[in-house]
Amino acid sequence: SYVDLDEIVANLYLGSWQSAVNLKALKLLNVTHILTMEESELPDDVQRLFTCKFKHIVDSPYSNLLVHFDDCFQFIDEAIAQSTSILVHWYRLLFYILLDDC
């Protein structure tokens, strides 16, 4: 089946909601951690199988993602340090970072 995800760097994947609930694909890629950045958490069955972090982010051009970066980067680094893979996923593919004074 189709999996909507891309490997950004070794062991770091970026994908959609569909990729986050595709258990077969995640197991094949050795994904053990999932970072969810959207308005809804993953289903309970997915959360039981993976180490998950949820960041409630509204899909809007006015959402400030910068406030979440330190915590998210630490979670990603922890997964990669364990020689496992991590999936960072979103819902609609639309994320905006508003930078004042850039």
C-alpha atoms as a PDB file:
ATOM      1  CA  SER A   1       0.000   0.000   0.000  1.00  0.00           C
ATOM      2  CA  TYR A   2       1.021   3.616  -0.566  1.00  0.00           C
ATOM      3  CA  VAL A   3       2.972   5.266   2.223  1.00  0.00           C
ATOM      4  CA  ASP A   4       3.177   9.050   2.240  1.00  0.00           C
ATOM      5  CA  LEU A   5       6.502   9.614   3.972  1.00  0.00           C
ATOM      6  CA  ASP A   6      10.019  10.682   3.140  1.00  0.00           C
ATOM      7  CA  GLU A   7      13.336  10.048   4.852  1.00  0.00           C
ATOM      8  CA  ILE A   8      14.763  13.506   5.556  1.00  0.00           C
ATOM      9  CA  VAL A   9      18.038  12.320   7.103  1.00  0.00           C
ATOM     10  CA  ALA A  10      19.029   8.871   8.328  1.00  0.00           C
ATOM     11  CA  ASN A  11      16.268   7.516  10.609  1.00  0.00           C
ATOM     12  CA  LEU A  12      14.140  10.686  10.460  1.00  0.00           C
ATOM     13  CA  TYR A  13      10.945  10.420   8.430  1.00  0.00           C
ATOM     14  CA  LEU A  14       8.373  13.083   7.634  1.00  0.00           C
ATOM     15  CA  GLY A  15       4.882  11.937   6.755  1.00  0.00           C
ATOM     16  CA  SER A  16       1.134  12.331   6.934  1.00  0.00           C
ATOM     17  CA  TRP A  17      -1.566  10.955   9.221  1.00  0.00           C
ATOM     18  CA  GLN A  18      -1.915   7.964   6.906  1.00  0.00           C
ATOM     19  CA  SER A  19       1.751   7.100   7.343  1.00  0.00           C
ATOM     20  CA  ALA A  20       1.463   7.445  11.134  1.00  0.00           C
ATOM     21  CA  VAL A  21      -1.252   4.780  11.304  1.00  0.00           C
ATOM     22  CA  ASN A  22       0.342   2.408   8.784  1.00  0.00           C
ATOM     23  CA  LEU A  23       1.723  -0.039  11.334  1.00  0.00           C
ATOM     24  CA  LYS A  24       3.221  -2.402   8.766  1.00  0.00           C
ATOM     25  CA  ALA A  25       5.265   0.342   7.090  1.00  0.00           C
ATOM     26  CA  LEU A  26       6.416   1.797  10.411  1.00  0.00           C
ATOM     27  CA  LYS A  27       7.652  -1.602  11.589  1.00  0.00           C
ATOM     28  CA  LEU A  28       9.515  -2.172   8.304  1.00  0.00           C
ATOM     29  CA  LEU A  29      11.285   1.177   8.738  1.00  0.00           C
ATOM     30  CA  ASN A  30      12.184   0.427  12.389  1.00  0.00           C
ATOM     31  CA  VAL A  31      10.134   3.403  13.582  1.00  0.00           C
ATOM     32  CA  THR A  32       9.801   3.369  17.367  1.00  0.00           C
ATOM     33  CA  HIS A  33       8.977   7.053  17.978  1.00  0.00           C
ATOM     34  CA  ILE A  34       6.261   9.264  16.509  1.00  0.00           C
ATOM     35  CA  LEU A  35       6.055  13.021  16.916  1.00  0.00           C
ATOM     36  CA  THR A  36       2.535  14.257  16.204  1.00  0.00           C
ATOM     37  CA  MET A  37       2.160  17.934  15.368  1.00  0.00           C
ATOM     38  CA  GLU A  38      -1.516  18.646  14.783  1.00  0.00           C
ATOM     39  CA  GLU A  39      -4.881  19.100  16.458  1.00  0.00           C
ATOM     40  CA  SER A  40      -5.622  15.434  17.264  1.00  0.00           C
ATOM     41  CA  GLU A  41      -3.634  12.694  18.928  1.00  0.00           C
ATOM     42  CA  LEU A  42      -2.996   9.353  17.273  1.00  0.00           C
ATOM     43  CA  PRO A  43      -5.387   6.453  17.951  1.00  0.00           C
ATOM     44  CA  ASP A  44      -4.789   4.599  21.211  1.00  0.00           C
ATOM     45  CA  ASP A  45      -3.624   1.416  19.470  1.00  0.00           C
ATOM     46  CA  VAL A  46      -0.811   3.342  17.758  1.00  0.00           C
ATOM     47  CA  GLN A  47       0.144   5.110  20.985  1.00  0.00           C
ATOM     48  CA  ARG A  48       0.453   1.763  22.774  1.00  0.00           C
ATOM     49  CA  LEU A  49       2.922   0.425  20.178  1.00  0.00           C
ATOM     50  CA  PHE A  50       5.220   3.454  19.846  1.00  0.00           C
ATOM     51  CA  THR A  51       6.870   6.094  21.986  1.00  0.00           C
ATOM     52  CA  CYS A  52       4.773   9.124  21.105  1.00  0.00           C
ATOM     53  CA  LYS A  53       4.912  12.846  21.708  1.00  0.00           C
ATOM     54  CA  PHE A  54       1.924  15.034  20.882  1.00  0.00           C
ATOM     55  CA  LYS A  55       2.053  18.766  20.187  1.00  0.00           C
ATOM     56  CA  HIS A  56      -1.333  20.408  19.770  1.00  0.00           C
ATOM     57  CA  ILE A  57      -0.846  22.720  16.806  1.00  0.00           C
ATOM     58  CA  VAL A  58      -3.648  24.333  14.865  1.00  0.00           C
ATOM     59  CA  ASP A  59      -3.156  24.087  11.102  1.00  0.00           C
ATOM     60  CA  SER A  60      -3.027  27.820  10.450  1.00  0.00           C
ATOM     61  CA  PRO A  61      -0.593  30.339   9.023  1.00  0.00           C
ATOM     62  CA  TYR A  62      -0.743  32.013  12.442  1.00  0.00           C
ATOM     63  CA  SER A  63       0.476  28.994  14.433  1.00  0.00           C
ATOM     64  CA  ASN A  64       3.817  29.635  16.064  1.00  0.00           C
ATOM     65  CA  LEU A  65       5.840  26.448  15.732  1.00  0.00           C
ATOM     66  CA  LEU A  66       8.994  28.004  17.150  1.00  0.00           C
ATOM     67  CA  VAL A  67       7.786  27.598  20.742  1.00  0.00           C
ATOM     68  CA  HIS A  68       7.789  23.809  20.263  1.00  0.00           C
ATOM     69  CA  PHE A  69      11.171  23.387  18.596  1.00  0.00           C
ATOM     70  CA  ASP A  70      13.406  22.697  21.612  1.00  0.00           C
ATOM     71  CA  ASP A  71      11.145  19.990  23.022  1.00  0.00           C
ATOM     72  CA  CYS A  72      10.571  18.411  19.597  1.00  0.00           C
ATOM     73  CA  PHE A  73      14.264  18.429  18.686  1.00  0.00           C
ATOM     74  CA  GLN A  74      15.107  16.743  21.996  1.00  0.00           C
ATOM     75  CA  PHE A  75      12.536  13.997  21.295  1.00  0.00           C
ATOM     76  CA  ILE A  76      13.941  13.474  17.788  1.00  0.00           C
ATOM     77  CA  ASP A  77      17.530  13.372  19.075  1.00  0.00           C
ATOM     78  CA  GLU A  78      16.599  10.794  21.730  1.00  0.00           C
ATOM     79  CA  ALA A  79      15.088   8.466  19.139  1.00  0.00           C
ATOM     80  CA  ILE A  80      18.031   8.739  16.763  1.00  0.00           C
ATOM     81  CA  ALA A  81      20.514   8.249  19.640  1.00  0.00           C
ATOM     82  CA  GLN A  82      18.834   4.880  20.308  1.00  0.00           C
ATOM     83  CA  SER A  83      19.563   3.836  16.688  1.00  0.00           C
ATOM     84  CA  THR A  84      15.869   3.692  15.912  1.00  0.00           C
ATOM     85  CA  SER A  85      13.743   5.679  13.497  1.00  0.00           C
ATOM     86  CA  ILE A  86      11.266   8.449  14.178  1.00  0.00           C
ATOM     87  CA  LEU A  87       8.299   9.704  12.188  1.00  0.00           C
ATOM     88  CA  VAL A  88       7.284  13.348  12.426  1.00  0.00           C
ATOM     89  CA  HIS A  89       3.778  13.695  11.090  1.00  0.00           C
ATOM     90  CA  TRP A  90       1.102  16.283  10.484  1.00  0.00           C
ATOM     91  CA  TYR A  91      -2.453  16.229   9.173  1.00  0.00           C
ATOM     92  CA  ARG A  92      -2.834  18.514   6.191  1.00  0.00           C
ATOM     93  CA  LEU A  93       0.765  19.143   5.154  1.00  0.00           C
ATOM     94  CA  LEU A  94       0.367  22.874   5.816  1.00  0.00           C
ATOM     95  CA  PHE A  95       2.715  24.347   8.372  1.00  0.00           C
ATOM     96  CA  TYR A  96       3.796  27.914   8.606  1.00  0.00           C
ATOM     97  CA  ILE A  97       6.431  29.537  10.734  1.00  0.00           C
ATOM     98  CA  LEU A  98       5.865  33.183  11.439  1.00  0.00           C
ATOM     99  CA  LEU A  99       9.106  34.980  12.004  1.00  0.00           C
ATOM    100  CA  ASP A 100       8.867  38.533  13.192  1.00  0.00           C
ATOM    101  CA  ASP A 101      11.540  40.896  11.943  1.00  0.00           C
ATOM    102  CA  CYS A 102      13.168  38.499   9.459  1.00  0.00           C
END
